All heavy atoms as atom14 arrays in JSON, in Angstrom:
{
  "sequence": "RRDAKNTLYLQMNNLKPDDTAVYYCAASVQGDRAAIYYYNENNYF",
  "atom14_mask": [
    [1, 1, 1, 1, 1, 1, 1, 1, 1, 1, 1, 0, 0, 0],
    [1, 1, 1, 1, 1, 1, 1, 1, 1, 1, 1, 0, 0, 0],
    [1, 1, 1, 1, 1, 1, 1, 1, 0, 0, 0, 0, 0, 0],
    [1, 1, 1, 1, 1, 0, 0, 0, 0, 0, 0, 0, 0, 0],
    [1, 1, 1, 1, 1, 1, 1, 1, 1, 0, 0, 0, 0, 0],
    [1, 1, 1, 1, 1, 1, 1, 1, 0, 0, 0, 0, 0, 0],
    [1, 1, 1, 1, 1, 1, 1, 0, 0, 0, 0, 0, 0, 0],
    [1, 1, 1, 1, 1, 1, 1, 1, 0, 0, 0, 0, 0, 0],
    [1, 1, 1, 1, 1, 1, 1, 1, 1, 1, 1, 1, 0, 0],
    [1, 1, 1, 1, 1, 1, 1, 1, 0, 0, 0, 0, 0, 0],
    [1, 1, 1, 1, 1, 1, 1, 1, 1, 0, 0, 0, 0, 0],
    [1, 1, 1, 1, 1, 1, 1, 1, 0, 0, 0, 0, 0, 0],
    [1, 1, 1, 1, 1, 1, 1, 1, 0, 0, 0, 0, 0, 0],
    [1, 1, 1, 1, 1, 1, 1, 1, 0, 0, 0, 0, 0, 0],
    [1, 1, 1, 1, 1, 1, 1, 1, 0, 0, 0, 0, 0, 0],
    [1, 1, 1, 1, 1, 1, 1, 1, 1, 0, 0, 0, 0, 0],
    [1, 1, 1, 1, 1, 1, 1, 0, 0, 0, 0, 0, 0, 0],
    [1, 1, 1, 1, 1, 1, 1, 1, 0, 0, 0, 0, 0, 0],
    [1, 1, 1, 1, 1, 1, 1, 1, 0, 0, 0, 0, 0, 0],
    [1, 1, 1, 1, 1, 1, 1, 0, 0, 0, 0, 0, 0, 0],
    [1, 1, 1, 1, 1, 0, 0, 0, 0, 0, 0, 0, 0, 0],
    [1, 1, 1, 1, 1, 1, 1, 0, 0, 0, 0, 0, 0, 0],
    [1, 1, 1, 1, 1, 1, 1, 1, 1, 1, 1, 1, 0, 0],
    [1, 1, 1, 1, 1, 1, 1, 1, 1, 1, 1, 1, 0, 0],
    [1, 1, 1, 1, 1, 1, 0, 0, 0, 0, 0, 0, 0, 0],
    [1, 1, 1, 1, 1, 0, 0, 0, 0, 0, 0, 0, 0, 0],
    [1, 1, 1, 1, 1, 0, 0, 0, 0, 0, 0, 0, 0, 0],
    [1, 1, 1, 1, 1, 1, 0, 0, 0, 0, 0, 0, 0, 0],
    [1, 1, 1, 1, 1, 1, 1, 0, 0, 0, 0, 0, 0, 0],
    [1, 1, 1, 1, 1, 1, 1, 1, 1, 0, 0, 0, 0, 0],
    [1, 1, 1, 1, 0, 0, 0, 0, 0, 0, 0, 0, 0, 0],
    [1, 1, 1, 1, 1, 1, 1, 1, 0, 0, 0, 0, 0, 0],
    [1, 1, 1, 1, 1, 1, 1, 1, 1, 1, 1, 0, 0, 0],
    [1, 1, 1, 1, 1, 0, 0, 0, 0, 0, 0, 0, 0, 0],
    [1, 1, 1, 1, 1, 0, 0, 0, 0, 0, 0, 0, 0, 0],
    [1, 1, 1, 1, 1, 1, 1, 1, 0, 0, 0, 0, 0, 0],
    [1, 1, 1, 1, 1, 1, 1, 1, 1, 1, 1, 1, 0, 0],
    [1, 1, 1, 1, 1, 1, 1, 1, 1, 1, 1, 1, 0, 0],
    [1, 1, 1, 1, 1, 1, 1, 1, 1, 1, 1, 1, 0, 0],
    [1, 1, 1, 1, 1, 1, 1, 1, 0, 0, 0, 0, 0, 0],
    [1, 1, 1, 1, 1, 1, 1, 1, 1, 0, 0, 0, 0, 0],
    [1, 1, 1, 1, 1, 1, 1, 1, 0, 0, 0, 0, 0, 0],
    [1, 1, 1, 1, 1, 1, 1, 1, 0, 0, 0, 0, 0, 0],
    [1, 1, 1, 1, 1, 1, 1, 1, 1, 1, 1, 1, 0, 0],
    [1, 1, 1, 1, 1, 1, 1, 1, 1, 1, 1, 0, 0, 0]
  ],
  "atom14_positions": [
    [[91.62, 205.1, 332.3], [91.25, 203.74, 332.16], [92.46, 202.93, 331.62], [93.12, 203.41, 330.77], [90.08, 203.53, 331.21], [89.37, 202.25, 331.36], [88.12, 202.42, 330.44], [88.52, 202.55, 329.06], [87.74, 203.12, 328.07], [86.72, 203.66, 328.31], [88.23, 203.1, 326.77], [0.0, 0.0, 0.0], [0.0, 0.0, 0.0], [0.0, 0.0, 0.0]],
    [[92.57, 201.83, 332.12], [93.71, 200.87, 331.49], [92.98, 199.55, 331.12], [92.57, 198.69, 331.87], [94.78, 200.59, 332.53], [95.63, 201.68, 332.89], [96.46, 202.13, 331.74], [97.31, 203.21, 332.11], [97.1, 204.53, 331.83], [95.95, 204.79, 331.09], [97.81, 205.52, 332.09], [0.0, 0.0, 0.0], [0.0, 0.0, 0.0], [0.0, 0.0, 0.0]],
    [[92.71, 199.55, 329.81], [91.72, 198.53, 329.22], [92.54, 197.07, 329.31], [91.88, 196.03, 329.55], [91.6, 198.7, 327.72], [90.65, 199.87, 327.54], [89.91, 200.29, 328.55], [90.61, 200.29, 326.45], [0.0, 0.0, 0.0], [0.0, 0.0, 0.0], [0.0, 0.0, 0.0], [0.0, 0.0, 0.0], [0.0, 0.0, 0.0], [0.0, 0.0, 0.0]],
    [[93.82, 197.14, 329.42], [94.52, 195.74, 329.56], [94.33, 195.14, 330.85], [94.38, 193.98, 331.05], [96.06, 196.04, 329.29], [0.0, 0.0, 0.0], [0.0, 0.0, 0.0], [0.0, 0.0, 0.0], [0.0, 0.0, 0.0], [0.0, 0.0, 0.0], [0.0, 0.0, 0.0], [0.0, 0.0, 0.0], [0.0, 0.0, 0.0], [0.0, 0.0, 0.0]],
    [[94.07, 195.95, 331.92], [93.81, 195.67, 333.28], [92.25, 195.59, 333.56], [91.78, 195.24, 334.77], [94.49, 196.37, 334.27], [96.01, 196.24, 334.19], [96.74, 196.92, 335.33], [98.21, 196.65, 335.24], [98.94, 197.22, 336.46], [0.0, 0.0, 0.0], [0.0, 0.0, 0.0], [0.0, 0.0, 0.0], [0.0, 0.0, 0.0], [0.0, 0.0, 0.0]],
    [[91.48, 196.1, 332.63], [89.97, 196.22, 332.86], [89.78, 197.05, 334.07], [88.93, 196.58, 334.88], [89.37, 194.85, 332.81], [87.95, 194.86, 332.28], [87.56, 195.72, 331.47], [87.17, 193.98, 332.72], [0.0, 0.0, 0.0], [0.0, 0.0, 0.0], [0.0, 0.0, 0.0], [0.0, 0.0, 0.0], [0.0, 0.0, 0.0], [0.0, 0.0, 0.0]],
    [[90.5, 198.16, 334.24], [90.44, 198.84, 335.4], [90.26, 200.3, 335.22], [90.9, 200.8, 334.29], [91.59, 198.6, 336.38], [91.64, 197.1, 336.61], [91.56, 199.29, 337.6], [0.0, 0.0, 0.0], [0.0, 0.0, 0.0], [0.0, 0.0, 0.0], [0.0, 0.0, 0.0], [0.0, 0.0, 0.0], [0.0, 0.0, 0.0], [0.0, 0.0, 0.0]],
    [[89.43, 201.07, 336.02], [89.3, 202.51, 335.96], [90.08, 202.95, 337.15], [90.11, 202.4, 338.21], [87.88, 202.73, 336.1], [87.45, 204.24, 336.17], [87.56, 204.89, 334.79], [86.05, 204.38, 336.78], [0.0, 0.0, 0.0], [0.0, 0.0, 0.0], [0.0, 0.0, 0.0], [0.0, 0.0, 0.0], [0.0, 0.0, 0.0], [0.0, 0.0, 0.0]],
    [[90.61, 204.23, 337.0], [91.27, 204.83, 338.16], [90.92, 206.25, 338.38], [90.34, 206.83, 337.38], [92.88, 204.86, 337.71], [93.45, 203.45, 337.49], [93.51, 202.92, 336.22], [94.01, 202.77, 338.58], [94.01, 201.59, 336.09], [94.44, 201.54, 338.37], [94.58, 201.02, 337.08], [95.1, 199.69, 336.98], [0.0, 0.0, 0.0], [0.0, 0.0, 0.0]],
    [[91.15, 206.73, 339.58], [90.92, 208.08, 339.79], [92.16, 208.51, 340.6], [92.34, 208.25, 341.75], [89.76, 208.35, 340.65], [89.36, 209.78, 340.87], [89.02, 210.53, 339.68], [88.24, 209.91, 342.0], [0.0, 0.0, 0.0], [0.0, 0.0, 0.0], [0.0, 0.0, 0.0], [0.0, 0.0, 0.0], [0.0, 0.0, 0.0], [0.0, 0.0, 0.0]],
    [[93.07, 209.39, 339.98], [94.13, 209.9, 340.6], [93.86, 211.16, 341.3], [93.3, 212.17, 340.5], [95.27, 210.13, 339.48], [96.4, 211.01, 340.05], [97.31, 210.21, 341.09], [97.58, 209.05, 340.73], [97.72, 210.81, 342.15], [0.0, 0.0, 0.0], [0.0, 0.0, 0.0], [0.0, 0.0, 0.0], [0.0, 0.0, 0.0], [0.0, 0.0, 0.0]],
    [[94.09, 211.22, 342.46], [93.57, 212.46, 343.29], [94.88, 213.07, 343.88], [95.54, 212.58, 344.74], [92.68, 212.07, 344.41], [91.46, 211.18, 343.87], [90.12, 210.84, 345.1], [91.09, 209.77, 346.21], [0.0, 0.0, 0.0], [0.0, 0.0, 0.0], [0.0, 0.0, 0.0], [0.0, 0.0, 0.0], [0.0, 0.0, 0.0], [0.0, 0.0, 0.0]],
    [[95.01, 214.35, 343.54], [96.1, 215.19, 344.15], [95.67, 216.28, 344.83], [94.48, 216.78, 344.73], [97.07, 215.65, 342.98], [97.62, 214.55, 342.15], [98.02, 213.56, 342.73], [97.85, 214.71, 340.85], [0.0, 0.0, 0.0], [0.0, 0.0, 0.0], [0.0, 0.0, 0.0], [0.0, 0.0, 0.0], [0.0, 0.0, 0.0], [0.0, 0.0, 0.0]],
    [[96.61, 216.87, 345.72], [96.21, 218.05, 346.49], [94.9, 217.92, 347.21], [94.06, 218.7, 347.2], [96.18, 219.28, 345.61], [96.23, 220.57, 346.35], [96.53, 220.63, 347.65], [95.7, 221.61, 345.8], [0.0, 0.0, 0.0], [0.0, 0.0, 0.0], [0.0, 0.0, 0.0], [0.0, 0.0, 0.0], [0.0, 0.0, 0.0], [0.0, 0.0, 0.0]],
    [[94.81, 216.82, 347.93], [93.57, 216.51, 348.54], [93.19, 217.44, 349.72], [94.12, 217.98, 350.42], [93.6, 215.14, 349.04], [93.37, 214.01, 347.95], [93.96, 212.65, 348.57], [91.8, 213.91, 347.64], [0.0, 0.0, 0.0], [0.0, 0.0, 0.0], [0.0, 0.0, 0.0], [0.0, 0.0, 0.0], [0.0, 0.0, 0.0], [0.0, 0.0, 0.0]],
    [[91.96, 217.73, 349.9], [91.46, 218.64, 350.94], [90.51, 217.95, 351.73], [89.83, 216.92, 351.41], [90.75, 219.8, 350.15], [91.5, 220.43, 349.2], [90.84, 221.61, 348.48], [91.52, 222.2, 347.45], [90.82, 223.15, 346.67], [0.0, 0.0, 0.0], [0.0, 0.0, 0.0], [0.0, 0.0, 0.0], [0.0, 0.0, 0.0], [0.0, 0.0, 0.0]],
    [[90.33, 218.37, 353.03], [89.24, 217.7, 353.98], [87.89, 217.57, 353.35], [87.3, 216.67, 353.56], [89.32, 218.73, 355.19], [90.66, 219.3, 355.19], [91.08, 219.48, 353.74], [0.0, 0.0, 0.0], [0.0, 0.0, 0.0], [0.0, 0.0, 0.0], [0.0, 0.0, 0.0], [0.0, 0.0, 0.0], [0.0, 0.0, 0.0], [0.0, 0.0, 0.0]],
    [[87.51, 218.53, 352.36], [86.19, 218.45, 351.82], [86.09, 217.21, 350.72], [85.02, 216.93, 350.35], [85.91, 219.82, 350.95], [85.44, 220.86, 351.97], [85.19, 220.66, 353.12], [85.38, 222.04, 351.59], [0.0, 0.0, 0.0], [0.0, 0.0, 0.0], [0.0, 0.0, 0.0], [0.0, 0.0, 0.0], [0.0, 0.0, 0.0], [0.0, 0.0, 0.0]],
    [[87.26, 216.58, 350.48], [87.15, 215.44, 349.67], [86.91, 214.28, 350.36], [86.8, 213.11, 349.79], [88.56, 215.31, 348.92], [88.92, 216.49, 348.02], [88.12, 216.89, 347.27], [90.14, 216.87, 347.94], [0.0, 0.0, 0.0], [0.0, 0.0, 0.0], [0.0, 0.0, 0.0], [0.0, 0.0, 0.0], [0.0, 0.0, 0.0], [0.0, 0.0, 0.0]],
    [[86.87, 214.38, 351.78], [86.45, 213.11, 352.58], [85.1, 212.68, 352.1], [84.07, 213.35, 352.2], [86.57, 213.51, 354.0], [87.77, 213.85, 354.43], [85.98, 212.34, 354.8], [0.0, 0.0, 0.0], [0.0, 0.0, 0.0], [0.0, 0.0, 0.0], [0.0, 0.0, 0.0], [0.0, 0.0, 0.0], [0.0, 0.0, 0.0], [0.0, 0.0, 0.0]],
    [[85.05, 211.33, 351.75], [83.75, 210.75, 351.35], [83.97, 209.33, 351.01], [85.1, 208.87, 350.98], [83.24, 211.4, 350.1], [0.0, 0.0, 0.0], [0.0, 0.0, 0.0], [0.0, 0.0, 0.0], [0.0, 0.0, 0.0], [0.0, 0.0, 0.0], [0.0, 0.0, 0.0], [0.0, 0.0, 0.0], [0.0, 0.0, 0.0], [0.0, 0.0, 0.0]],
    [[82.88, 208.64, 350.82], [82.94, 207.24, 350.21], [82.93, 207.5, 348.63], [82.06, 208.22, 348.17], [81.81, 206.31, 350.62], [81.93, 205.06, 349.97], [81.87, 206.25, 352.18], [0.0, 0.0, 0.0], [0.0, 0.0, 0.0], [0.0, 0.0, 0.0], [0.0, 0.0, 0.0], [0.0, 0.0, 0.0], [0.0, 0.0, 0.0], [0.0, 0.0, 0.0]],
    [[83.85, 206.84, 347.89], [84.03, 207.18, 346.58], [83.41, 205.81, 345.84], [83.86, 204.68, 346.2], [85.34, 207.35, 346.15], [85.84, 208.75, 346.46], [85.96, 209.21, 347.78], [86.03, 209.7, 345.39], [86.35, 210.61, 348.02], [86.44, 211.04, 345.73], [86.52, 211.45, 346.88], [86.86, 212.61, 347.25], [0.0, 0.0, 0.0], [0.0, 0.0, 0.0]],
    [[82.69, 206.09, 344.88], [81.97, 204.9, 344.18], [82.39, 205.05, 342.61], [82.36, 206.19, 342.04], [80.47, 205.01, 344.28], [79.93, 204.81, 345.57], [79.72, 205.98, 346.41], [79.58, 203.72, 346.21], [79.14, 205.98, 347.61], [79.02, 203.53, 347.37], [78.85, 204.66, 348.19], [78.33, 204.55, 349.36], [0.0, 0.0, 0.0], [0.0, 0.0, 0.0]],
    [[82.49, 203.91, 341.96], [82.72, 203.89, 340.45], [81.29, 203.41, 339.97], [80.71, 202.64, 340.71], [83.85, 203.15, 339.94], [83.85, 201.38, 340.26], [0.0, 0.0, 0.0], [0.0, 0.0, 0.0], [0.0, 0.0, 0.0], [0.0, 0.0, 0.0], [0.0, 0.0, 0.0], [0.0, 0.0, 0.0], [0.0, 0.0, 0.0], [0.0, 0.0, 0.0]],
    [[81.01, 203.77, 338.87], [79.74, 203.45, 338.18], [79.89, 203.34, 336.7], [80.69, 203.88, 335.98], [78.61, 204.36, 338.51], [0.0, 0.0, 0.0], [0.0, 0.0, 0.0], [0.0, 0.0, 0.0], [0.0, 0.0, 0.0], [0.0, 0.0, 0.0], [0.0, 0.0, 0.0], [0.0, 0.0, 0.0], [0.0, 0.0, 0.0], [0.0, 0.0, 0.0]],
    [[79.02, 202.38, 336.08], [79.07, 202.24, 334.7], [77.76, 202.64, 334.08], [76.67, 202.35, 334.5], [79.45, 200.79, 334.37], [0.0, 0.0, 0.0], [0.0, 0.0, 0.0], [0.0, 0.0, 0.0], [0.0, 0.0, 0.0], [0.0, 0.0, 0.0], [0.0, 0.0, 0.0], [0.0, 0.0, 0.0], [0.0, 0.0, 0.0], [0.0, 0.0, 0.0]],
    [[77.99, 203.34, 332.88], [76.75, 203.75, 332.04], [76.86, 203.26, 330.69], [77.84, 203.25, 330.13], [76.69, 205.4, 331.97], [75.73, 205.71, 331.07], [0.0, 0.0, 0.0], [0.0, 0.0, 0.0], [0.0, 0.0, 0.0], [0.0, 0.0, 0.0], [0.0, 0.0, 0.0], [0.0, 0.0, 0.0], [0.0, 0.0, 0.0], [0.0, 0.0, 0.0]],
    [[75.73, 202.61, 330.28], [75.72, 201.94, 328.92], [75.75, 203.03, 327.89], [76.0, 202.73, 326.71], [74.59, 200.97, 328.8], [74.76, 199.85, 329.79], [73.19, 201.76, 328.92], [0.0, 0.0, 0.0], [0.0, 0.0, 0.0], [0.0, 0.0, 0.0], [0.0, 0.0, 0.0], [0.0, 0.0, 0.0], [0.0, 0.0, 0.0], [0.0, 0.0, 0.0]],
    [[75.41, 204.21, 328.14], [75.4, 205.28, 327.08], [76.89, 205.88, 326.9], [77.51, 206.27, 327.78], [74.51, 206.33, 327.58], [73.0, 206.03, 327.79], [72.51, 205.48, 326.46], [72.82, 205.83, 325.34], [71.49, 204.62, 326.63], [0.0, 0.0, 0.0], [0.0, 0.0, 0.0], [0.0, 0.0, 0.0], [0.0, 0.0, 0.0], [0.0, 0.0, 0.0]],
    [[77.23, 205.74, 325.55], [78.56, 206.25, 325.29], [78.71, 207.45, 324.64], [79.92, 207.89, 324.4], [0.0, 0.0, 0.0], [0.0, 0.0, 0.0], [0.0, 0.0, 0.0], [0.0, 0.0, 0.0], [0.0, 0.0, 0.0], [0.0, 0.0, 0.0], [0.0, 0.0, 0.0], [0.0, 0.0, 0.0], [0.0, 0.0, 0.0], [0.0, 0.0, 0.0]],
    [[77.7, 208.09, 324.26], [77.76, 209.3, 323.23], [76.93, 210.39, 323.72], [76.64, 211.37, 322.89], [77.36, 208.77, 321.95], [75.96, 208.21, 321.77], [75.25, 208.18, 322.89], [75.49, 208.04, 320.66], [0.0, 0.0, 0.0], [0.0, 0.0, 0.0], [0.0, 0.0, 0.0], [0.0, 0.0, 0.0], [0.0, 0.0, 0.0], [0.0, 0.0, 0.0]],
    [[76.63, 210.59, 324.93], [75.74, 211.61, 325.42], [76.6, 212.87, 325.78], [77.8, 212.71, 325.92], [74.99, 211.22, 326.69], [73.98, 210.01, 326.45], [73.0, 210.29, 325.37], [72.12, 209.28, 325.08], [70.94, 209.09, 325.68], [70.44, 210.03, 326.55], [70.19, 208.02, 325.37], [0.0, 0.0, 0.0], [0.0, 0.0, 0.0], [0.0, 0.0, 0.0]],
    [[76.03, 213.97, 325.79], [76.66, 215.16, 326.3], [77.23, 215.02, 327.76], [76.62, 214.27, 328.53], [75.74, 216.41, 326.07], [0.0, 0.0, 0.0], [0.0, 0.0, 0.0], [0.0, 0.0, 0.0], [0.0, 0.0, 0.0], [0.0, 0.0, 0.0], [0.0, 0.0, 0.0], [0.0, 0.0, 0.0], [0.0, 0.0, 0.0], [0.0, 0.0, 0.0]],
    [[78.1, 215.88, 327.92], [78.63, 215.73, 329.45], [77.72, 215.72, 330.56], [77.69, 215.0, 331.53], [79.7, 216.78, 329.56], [0.0, 0.0, 0.0], [0.0, 0.0, 0.0], [0.0, 0.0, 0.0], [0.0, 0.0, 0.0], [0.0, 0.0, 0.0], [0.0, 0.0, 0.0], [0.0, 0.0, 0.0], [0.0, 0.0, 0.0], [0.0, 0.0, 0.0]],
    [[76.63, 216.66, 330.38], [75.63, 216.75, 331.55], [74.81, 215.56, 331.86], [74.4, 215.27, 332.91], [74.67, 217.95, 331.2], [73.85, 218.32, 332.55], [73.68, 217.62, 330.08], [73.09, 219.68, 332.3], [0.0, 0.0, 0.0], [0.0, 0.0, 0.0], [0.0, 0.0, 0.0], [0.0, 0.0, 0.0], [0.0, 0.0, 0.0], [0.0, 0.0, 0.0]],
    [[74.72, 214.75, 330.85], [74.01, 213.47, 331.09], [74.79, 212.56, 332.09], [74.06, 211.9, 332.97], [74.1, 212.71, 329.74], [73.47, 211.25, 329.89], [71.98, 211.08, 329.67], [74.15, 210.11, 330.07], [71.45, 209.78, 329.72], [73.72, 208.91, 330.12], [72.26, 208.67, 329.98], [71.8, 207.5, 330.0], [0.0, 0.0, 0.0], [0.0, 0.0, 0.0]],
    [[76.17, 212.62, 332.17], [76.89, 211.81, 333.03], [76.97, 212.27, 334.46], [77.45, 211.64, 335.34], [78.27, 211.6, 332.42], [78.24, 210.83, 331.1], [78.39, 211.62, 329.87], [77.82, 209.49, 331.0], [78.3, 210.92, 328.66], [77.63, 208.91, 329.64], [77.97, 209.67, 328.5], [77.92, 209.01, 327.39], [0.0, 0.0, 0.0], [0.0, 0.0, 0.0]],
    [[76.47, 213.54, 334.71], [76.53, 214.08, 335.99], [75.41, 213.62, 336.91], [75.43, 213.7, 338.03], [76.26, 215.63, 335.92], [77.43, 216.3, 335.17], [77.18, 217.77, 334.73], [78.51, 215.9, 334.77], [78.08, 218.31, 334.1], [79.58, 216.56, 333.87], [79.35, 217.74, 333.63], [80.26, 218.48, 332.92], [0.0, 0.0, 0.0], [0.0, 0.0, 0.0]],
    [[74.39, 212.85, 336.3], [73.21, 212.39, 337.0], [73.48, 210.92, 337.33], [73.57, 210.11, 336.42], [72.05, 212.49, 336.05], [70.67, 212.15, 336.81], [70.73, 211.48, 337.76], [69.59, 212.48, 336.3], [0.0, 0.0, 0.0], [0.0, 0.0, 0.0], [0.0, 0.0, 0.0], [0.0, 0.0, 0.0], [0.0, 0.0, 0.0], [0.0, 0.0, 0.0]],
    [[73.38, 210.65, 338.68], [73.79, 209.23, 339.05], [72.71, 208.2, 338.59], [72.88, 207.07, 338.4], [73.78, 209.12, 340.52], [72.51, 209.53, 341.37], [72.73, 209.37, 342.78], [73.26, 208.44, 343.24], [72.1, 210.19, 343.48], [0.0, 0.0, 0.0], [0.0, 0.0, 0.0], [0.0, 0.0, 0.0], [0.0, 0.0, 0.0], [0.0, 0.0, 0.0]],
    [[71.48, 208.75, 338.26], [70.48, 207.83, 337.79], [70.7, 207.21, 336.29], [70.06, 206.29, 335.93], [69.08, 208.62, 337.78], [68.64, 209.0, 339.15], [68.72, 208.16, 340.03], [68.21, 210.23, 339.35], [0.0, 0.0, 0.0], [0.0, 0.0, 0.0], [0.0, 0.0, 0.0], [0.0, 0.0, 0.0], [0.0, 0.0, 0.0], [0.0, 0.0, 0.0]],
    [[71.67, 207.82, 335.66], [72.09, 207.38, 334.37], [73.08, 206.21, 334.37], [73.7, 205.96, 333.27], [72.47, 208.52, 333.48], [71.15, 209.47, 333.15], [70.11, 208.95, 333.17], [71.46, 210.79, 333.07], [0.0, 0.0, 0.0], [0.0, 0.0, 0.0], [0.0, 0.0, 0.0], [0.0, 0.0, 0.0], [0.0, 0.0, 0.0], [0.0, 0.0, 0.0]],
    [[73.46, 205.72, 335.62], [74.45, 204.76, 335.63], [73.74, 203.46, 336.25], [72.84, 203.59, 337.22], [75.45, 205.2, 336.69], [76.35, 206.17, 336.1], [75.98, 207.58, 336.21], [77.66, 205.89, 335.63], [76.71, 208.65, 335.67], [78.42, 207.0, 335.15], [77.94, 208.24, 335.2], [78.85, 209.32, 334.81], [0.0, 0.0, 0.0], [0.0, 0.0, 0.0]],
    [[73.89, 202.34, 335.62], [73.26, 201.18, 336.07], [74.0, 200.28, 336.95], [73.4, 199.56, 337.78], [72.84, 200.38, 334.75], [71.71, 199.23, 335.01], [70.48, 199.7, 335.17], [72.13, 197.96, 335.02], [69.46, 198.63, 335.28], [71.24, 197.02, 335.22], [69.87, 197.42, 335.42], [0.0, 0.0, 0.0], [0.0, 0.0, 0.0], [0.0, 0.0, 0.0]]
  ]
}
């Protein structure tokens, strides 16, 4: 993340055909949960 630009990034290297997809960014208001919480798309508003 670059706060000065208010922008999130995803650097993707060594891409594979299986990486083909539509990529979405999402924001969750929860900042202190365990990692597994963030794996669930329903926890992003």
